PDB file of N, CA and C in Angstrom:
ATOM      1  N   MET A   1      73.019  79.383 106.275  1.00  0.00           N
ATOM      2  CA  MET A   1      73.759  80.218 105.352  1.00  0.00           C
ATOM      3  C   MET A   1      74.891  80.924 106.103  1.00  0.00           C
ATOM      4  N   PRO A   2      76.120  80.872 105.547  1.00  0.00           N
ATOM      5  CA  PRO A   2      77.238  81.514 106.230  1.00  0.00           C
ATOM      6  C   PRO A   2      77.065  83.028 106.318  1.00  0.00           C
ATOM      7  N   GLU A   3      77.480  83.573 107.451  1.00  0.00           N
ATOM      8  CA  GLU A   3      77.454  85.020 107.615  1.00  0.00           C
ATOM      9  C   GLU A   3      78.760  85.595 107.087  1.00  0.00           C
ATOM     10  N   GLN A   4      78.744  86.868 106.739  1.00  0.00           N
ATOM     11  CA  GLN A   4      79.958  87.526 106.282  1.00  0.00           C
ATOM     12  C   GLN A   4      80.946  87.592 107.442  1.00  0.00           C
ATOM     13  N   SER A   5      82.192  87.247 107.149  1.00  0.00           N
ATOM     14  CA  SER A   5      83.225  87.220 108.171  1.00  0.00           C
ATOM     15  C   SER A   5      83.650  88.626 108.567  1.00  0.00           C
ATOM     16  N   THR A   6      83.944  88.806 109.844  1.00  0.00           N
ATOM     17  CA  THR A   6      84.458  90.080 110.312  1.00  0.00           C
ATOM     18  C   THR A   6      85.969  90.173 110.102  1.00  0.00           C
ATOM     19  N   ALA A   7      86.625  89.037 109.864  1.00  0.00           N
ATOM     20  CA  ALA A   7      88.082  89.021 109.704  1.00  0.00           C
ATOM     21  C   ALA A   7      88.529  88.805 108.259  1.00  0.00           C
ATOM     22  N   ILE A   8      87.748  88.047 107.493  1.00  0.00           N
ATOM     23  CA  ILE A   8      88.167  87.645 106.153  1.00  0.00           C
ATOM     24  C   ILE A   8      87.384  88.423 105.101  1.00  0.00           C
ATOM     25  N   ASP A   9      88.128  89.041 104.201  1.00  0.00           N
ATOM     26  CA  ASP A   9      87.522  89.867 103.161  1.00  0.00           C
ATOM     27  C   ASP A   9      87.228  89.063 101.897  1.00  0.00           C
ATOM     28  N   ARG A  10      88.194  88.204 101.491  1.00  0.00           N
ATOM     29  CA  ARG A  10      88.016  87.490 100.221  1.00  0.00           C
ATOM     30  C   ARG A  10      88.777  86.169 100.262  1.00  0.00           C
ATOM     31  N   ILE A  11      88.195  85.169  99.603  1.00  0.00           N
ATOM     32  CA  ILE A  11      88.821  83.854  99.465  1.00  0.00           C
ATOM     33  C   ILE A  11      88.836  83.510  97.982  1.00  0.00           C
ATOM     34  N   ARG A  12      90.008  83.142  97.483  1.00  0.00           N
ATOM     35  CA  ARG A  12      90.131  82.660  96.096  1.00  0.00           C
ATOM     36  C   ARG A  12      90.879  81.334  96.134  1.00  0.00           C
ATOM     37  N   TYR A  13      90.698  80.530  95.097  1.00  0.00           N
ATOM     38  CA  TYR A  13      91.325  79.210  95.078  1.00  0.00           C
ATOM     39  C   TYR A  13      91.726  78.841  93.664  1.00  0.00           C
ATOM     40  N   LYS A  14      92.956  78.340  93.496  1.00  0.00           N
ATOM     41  CA  LYS A  14      93.430  77.815  92.217  1.00  0.00           C
ATOM     42  C   LYS A  14      93.575  76.310  92.381  1.00  0.00           C
ATOM     43  N   GLU A  15      92.583  75.603  91.883  1.00  0.00           N
ATOM     44  CA  GLU A  15      92.511  74.154  92.089  1.00  0.00           C
ATOM     45  C   GLU A  15      93.699  73.410  91.485  1.00  0.00           C
ATOM     46  N   THR A  16      94.166  73.845  90.309  1.00  0.00           N
ATOM     47  CA  THR A  16      95.250  73.131  89.639  1.00  0.00           C
ATOM     48  C   THR A  16      96.523  73.083  90.474  1.00  0.00           C
ATOM     49  N   HIS A  17      96.721  74.063  91.344  1.00  0.00           N
ATOM     50  CA  HIS A  17      97.930  74.105  92.171  1.00  0.00           C
ATOM     51  C   HIS A  17      97.630  73.970  93.666  1.00  0.00           C
ATOM     52  N   GLY A  18      96.357  73.850  94.021  1.00  0.00           N
ATOM     53  CA  GLY A  18      95.990  73.750  95.432  1.00  0.00           C
ATOM     54  C   GLY A  18      96.372  74.992  96.217  1.00  0.00           C
ATOM     55  N   LYS A  19      96.255  76.155  95.573  1.00  0.00           N
ATOM     56  CA  LYS A  19      96.609  77.414  96.226  1.00  0.00           C
ATOM     57  C   LYS A  19      95.357  78.140  96.698  1.00  0.00           C
ATOM     58  N   LEU A  20      95.338  78.433  97.965  1.00  0.00           N
ATOM     59  CA  LEU A  20      94.238  79.157  98.586  1.00  0.00           C
ATOM     60  C   LEU A  20      94.717  80.558  98.926  1.00  0.00           C
ATOM     61  N   PHE A  21      94.035  81.556  98.396  1.00  0.00           N
ATOM     62  CA  PHE A  21      94.370  82.955  98.644  1.00  0.00           C
ATOM     63  C   PHE A  21      93.357  83.522  99.631  1.00  0.00           C
ATOM     64  N   VAL A  22      93.856  84.072 100.719  1.00  0.00           N
ATOM     65  CA  VAL A  22      92.978  84.629 101.746  1.00  0.00           C
ATOM     66  C   VAL A  22      93.383  86.083 101.972  1.00  0.00           C
ATOM     67  N   LYS A  23      92.418  86.978 101.769  1.00  0.00           N
ATOM     68  CA  LYS A  23      92.644  88.406 102.042  1.00  0.00           C
ATOM     69  C   LYS A  23      91.864  88.760 103.299  1.00  0.00           C
ATOM     70  N   PHE A  24      92.554  89.351 104.241  1.00  0.00           N
ATOM     71  CA  PHE A  24      91.950  89.717 105.514  1.00  0.00           C
ATOM     72  C   PHE A  24      91.498  91.167 105.480  1.00  0.00           C
ATOM     73  N   ARG A  25      90.494  91.476 106.255  1.00  0.00           N
ATOM     74  CA  ARG A  25      89.973  92.845 106.317  1.00  0.00           C
ATOM     75  C   ARG A  25      91.033  93.814 106.845  1.00  0.00           C
ATOM     76  N   SER A  26      91.992  93.291 107.573  1.00  0.00           N
ATOM     77  CA  SER A  26      93.084  94.125 108.093  1.00  0.00           C
ATOM     78  C   SER A  26      94.037  94.549 106.983  1.00  0.00           C
ATOM     79  N   GLY A  27      93.890  93.950 105.786  1.00  0.00           N
ATOM     80  CA  GLY A  27      94.692  94.359 104.647  1.00  0.00           C
ATOM     81  C   GLY A  27      95.684  93.330 104.160  1.00  0.00           C
ATOM     82  N   GLY A  28      96.074  92.376 104.973  1.00  0.00           N
ATOM     83  CA  GLY A  28      97.044  91.373 104.559  1.00  0.00           C
ATOM     84  C   GLY A  28      96.415  90.321 103.654  1.00  0.00           C
ATOM     85  N   GLU A  29      97.201  89.855 102.675  1.00  0.00           N
ATOM     86  CA  GLU A  29      96.751  88.767 101.813  1.00  0.00           C
ATOM     87  C   GLU A  29      97.829  87.697 101.805  1.00  0.00           C
ATOM     88  N   TYR A  30      97.393  86.439 101.927  1.00  0.00           N
ATOM     89  CA  TYR A  30      98.304  85.314 102.014  1.00  0.00           C
ATOM     90  C   TYR A  30      97.885  84.229 101.037  1.00  0.00           C
ATOM     91  N   VAL A  31      98.874  83.448 100.589  1.00  0.00           N
ATOM     92  CA  VAL A  31      98.591  82.283  99.774  1.00  0.00           C
ATOM     93  C   VAL A  31      99.033  81.054 100.569  1.00  0.00           C
ATOM     94  N   TYR A  32      98.138  80.098 100.678  1.00  0.00           N
ATOM     95  CA  TYR A  32      98.384  78.832 101.367  1.00  0.00           C
ATOM     96  C   TYR A  32      98.489  77.750 100.301  1.00  0.00           C
ATOM     97  N   VAL A  33      99.513  76.906 100.396  1.00  0.00           N
ATOM     98  CA  VAL A  33      99.829  75.940  99.348  1.00  0.00           C
ATOM     99  C   VAL A  33      99.499  74.517  99.795  1.00  0.00           C
ATOM    100  N   GLY A  34      98.979  73.727  98.836  1.00  0.00           N
ATOM    101  CA  GLY A  34      98.676  72.326  99.107  1.00  0.00           C
ATOM    102  C   GLY A  34      97.333  72.111  99.770  1.00  0.00           C
ATOM    103  N   VAL A  35      96.448  73.074  99.637  1.00  0.00           N
ATOM    104  CA  VAL A  35      95.125  72.993 100.266  1.00  0.00           C
ATOM    105  C   VAL A  35      94.191  72.194  99.355  1.00  0.00           C
ATOM    106  N   PRO A  36      93.634  71.095  99.849  1.00  0.00           N
ATOM    107  CA  PRO A  36      92.714  70.300  99.028  1.00  0.00           C
ATOM    108  C   PRO A  36      91.427  71.066  98.716  1.00  0.00           C
ATOM    109  N   GLY A  37      90.831  70.730  97.582  1.00  0.00           N
ATOM    110  CA  GLY A  37      89.593  71.373  97.160  1.00  0.00           C
ATOM    111  C   GLY A  37      88.477  71.263  98.178  1.00  0.00           C
ATOM    112  N   GLU A  38      88.393  70.121  98.861  1.00  0.00           N
ATOM    113  CA  GLU A  38      87.307  69.948  99.840  1.00  0.00           C
ATOM    114  C   GLU A  38      87.493  70.877 101.045  1.00  0.00           C
ATOM    115  N   VAL A  39      88.753  71.200 101.388  1.00  0.00           N
ATOM    116  CA  VAL A  39      88.995  72.148 102.473  1.00  0.00           C
ATOM    117  C   VAL A  39      88.555  73.543 102.035  1.00  0.00           C
ATOM    118  N   HIS A  40      88.872  73.910 100.795  1.00  0.00           N
ATOM    119  CA  HIS A  40      88.428  75.205 100.267  1.00  0.00           C
ATOM    120  C   HIS A  40      86.909  75.311 100.289  1.00  0.00           C
ATOM    121  N   ARG A  41      86.223  74.291  99.809  1.00  0.00           N
ATOM    122  CA  ARG A  41      84.754  74.330  99.775  1.00  0.00           C
ATOM    123  C   ARG A  41      84.173  74.437 101.183  1.00  0.00           C
ATOM    124  N   SER A  42      84.740  73.688 102.118  1.00  0.00           N
ATOM    125  CA  SER A  42      84.262  73.759 103.502  1.00  0.00           C
ATOM    126  C   SER A  42      84.519  75.132 104.108  1.00  0.00           C
ATOM    127  N   PHE A  43      85.639  75.741 103.752  1.00  0.00           N
ATOM    128  CA  PHE A  43      85.983  77.083 104.226  1.00  0.00           C
ATOM    129  C   PHE A  43      84.954  78.098 103.732  1.00  0.00           C
ATOM    130  N   VAL A  44      84.653  78.044 102.447  1.00  0.00           N
ATOM    131  CA  VAL A  44      83.685  78.977 101.853  1.00  0.00           C
ATOM    132  C   VAL A  44      82.307  78.800 102.497  1.00  0.00           C
ATOM    133  N   ASP A  45      81.926  77.558 102.765  1.00  0.00           N
ATOM    134  CA  ASP A  45      80.593  77.253 103.302  1.00  0.00           C
ATOM    135  C   ASP A  45      80.500  77.308 104.823  1.00  0.00           C
ATOM    136  N   ALA A  46      81.618  77.537 105.496  1.00  0.00           N
ATOM    137  CA  ALA A  46      81.630  77.500 106.965  1.00  0.00           C
ATOM    138  C   ALA A  46      80.711  78.546 107.572  1.00  0.00           C
ATOM    139  N   GLU A  47      80.079  78.166 108.651  1.00  0.00           N
ATOM    140  CA  GLU A  47      79.221  79.098 109.393  1.00  0.00           C
ATOM    141  C   GLU A  47      80.051  80.284 109.894  1.00  0.00           C
ATOM    142  N   SER A  48      81.282  79.998 110.330  1.00  0.00           N
ATOM    143  CA  SER A  48      82.217  81.047 110.741  1.00  0.00           C
ATOM    144  C   SER A  48      83.532  80.805 110.009  1.00  0.00           C
ATOM    145  N   GLN A  49      83.803  81.610 108.995  1.00  0.00           N
ATOM    146  CA  GLN A  49      85.029  81.436 108.226  1.00  0.00           C
ATOM    147  C   GLN A  49      86.264  81.708 109.089  1.00  0.00           C
ATOM    148  N   GLY A  50      86.173  82.647 109.995  1.00  0.00           N
ATOM    149  CA  GLY A  50      87.293  82.948 110.884  1.00  0.00           C
ATOM    150  C   GLY A  50      87.654  81.756 111.758  1.00  0.00           C
ATOM    151  N   GLN A  51      86.648  81.122 112.337  1.00  0.00           N
ATOM    152  CA  GLN A  51      86.890  79.950 113.182  1.00  0.00           C
ATOM    153  C   GLN A  51      87.398  78.778 112.352  1.00  0.00           C
ATOM    154  N   PHE A  52      86.840  78.596 111.158  1.00  0.00           N
ATOM    155  CA  PHE A  52      87.301  77.522 110.288  1.00  0.00           C
ATOM    156  C   PHE A  52      88.759  77.748 109.920  1.00  0.00           C
ATOM    157  N   PHE A  53      89.113  78.975 109.566  1.00  0.00           N
ATOM    158  CA  PHE A  53      90.489  79.306 109.214  1.00  0.00           C
ATOM    159  C   PHE A  53      91.437  78.953 110.361  1.00  0.00           C
ATOM    160  N   GLN A  54      91.087  79.377 111.553  1.00  0.00           N
ATOM    161  CA  GLN A  54      91.937  79.118 112.720  1.00  0.00           C
ATOM    162  C   GLN A  54      92.114  77.615 112.980  1.00  0.00           C
ATOM    163  N   ALA A  55      91.039  76.859 112.837  1.00  0.00           N
ATOM    164  CA  ALA A  55      91.076  75.432 113.173  1.00  0.00           C
ATOM    165  C   ALA A  55      91.624  74.543 112.060  1.00  0.00           C
ATOM    166  N   GLU A  56      91.385  74.902 110.809  1.00  0.00           N
ATOM    167  CA  GLU A  56      91.670  73.977 109.712  1.00  0.00           C
ATOM    168  C   GLU A  56      92.735  74.434 108.717  1.00  0.00           C
ATOM    169  N   ILE A  57      93.116  75.695 108.728  1.00  0.00           N
ATOM    170  CA  ILE A  57      94.054  76.191 107.711  1.00  0.00           C
ATOM    171  C   ILE A  57      95.308  76.780 108.349  1.00  0.00           C
ATOM    172  N   ARG A  58      95.123  77.708 109.252  1.00  0.00           N
ATOM    173  CA  ARG A  58      96.274  78.361 109.886  1.00  0.00           C
ATOM    174  C   ARG A  58      97.166  77.323 110.553  1.00  0.00           C
ATOM    175  N   ASP A  59      98.442  77.423 110.347  1.00  0.00           N
ATOM    176  CA  ASP A  59      99.453  76.527 110.917  1.00  0.00           C
ATOM    177  C   ASP A  59      99.379  75.089 110.390  1.00  0.00           C
ATOM    178  N   ARG A  60      98.571  74.837 109.359  1.00  0.00           N
ATOM    179  CA  ARG A  60      98.492  73.493 108.781  1.00  0.00           C
ATOM    180  C   ARG A  60      99.074  73.410 107.375  1.00  0.00           C
ATOM    181  N   TYR A  61      99.162  74.550 106.711  1.00  0.00           N
ATOM    182  CA  TYR A  61      99.658  74.582 105.332  1.00  0.00           C
ATOM    183  C   TYR A  61     100.749  75.651 105.227  1.00  0.00           C
ATOM    184  N   PRO A  62     101.752  75.384 104.380  1.00  0.00           N
ATOM    185  CA  PRO A  62     102.765  76.423 104.161  1.00  0.00           C
ATOM    186  C   PRO A  62     102.124  77.648 103.508  1.00  0.00           C
ATOM    187  N   TYR A  63     102.630  78.814 103.828  1.00  0.00           N
ATOM    188  CA  TYR A  63     102.029  80.039 103.294  1.00  0.00           C
ATOM    189  C   TYR A  63     103.087  81.111 103.059  1.00  0.00           C
ATOM    190  N   ASN A  64     102.702  82.090 102.284  1.00  0.00           N
ATOM    191  CA  ASN A  64     103.505  83.283 102.045  1.00  0.00           C
ATOM    192  C   ASN A  64     102.576  84.474 102.012  1.00  0.00           C
ATOM    193  N   ARG A  65     103.076  85.583 102.520  1.00  0.00           N
ATOM    194  CA  ARG A  65     102.325  86.832 102.409  1.00  0.00           C
ATOM    195  C   ARG A  65     102.511  87.351 100.985  1.00  0.00           C
ATOM    196  N   ILE A  66     101.439  87.862 100.406  1.00  0.00           N
ATOM    197  CA  ILE A  66     101.496  88.447  99.076  1.00  0.00           C
ATOM    198  C   ILE A  66     101.749  89.934  99.251  1.00  0.00           C
ATOM    199  N   ASP A  67     102.833  90.406  98.678  1.00  0.00           N
ATOM    200  CA  ASP A  67     103.184  91.816  98.766  1.00  0.00           C
ATOM    201  C   ASP A  67     102.482  92.546  97.619  1.00  0.00           C
ATOM    202  N   ASP A  68     101.584  93.438  97.954  1.00  0.00           N
ATOM    203  CA  ASP A  68     100.808  94.135  96.926  1.00  0.00           C
ATOM    204  C   ASP A  68     101.397  95.484  96.538  1.00  0.00           C
ATOM    205  N   THR A  69     102.619  95.756  96.978  1.00  0.00           N
ATOM    206  CA  THR A  69     103.241  97.010  96.569  1.00  0.00           C
ATOM    207  C   THR A  69     103.913  96.836  95.213  1.00  0.00           C
ATOM    208  N   PRO A  70     103.948  97.885  94.393  1.00  0.00           N
ATOM    209  CA  PRO A  70     104.538  97.756  93.046  1.00  0.00           C
ATOM    210  C   PRO A  70     106.032  97.545  93.067  1.00  0.00           C
TER     211      PRO A  70
END
């Protein structure tokens, strides 16, 4: 069973557009585009989500920071 990540607060996914939303405990939230569903599922189920993110998502998909200010 995966343990709660010390770096990642929340993961959301919009399958129709292949958009992966990752919110970090540090406060930043990013959207990664073109992420296949199987990568999202593996990310959610990973023993270490932080390590999975570093190895399989970061620097592999285009992304944008989500600005949460009004």
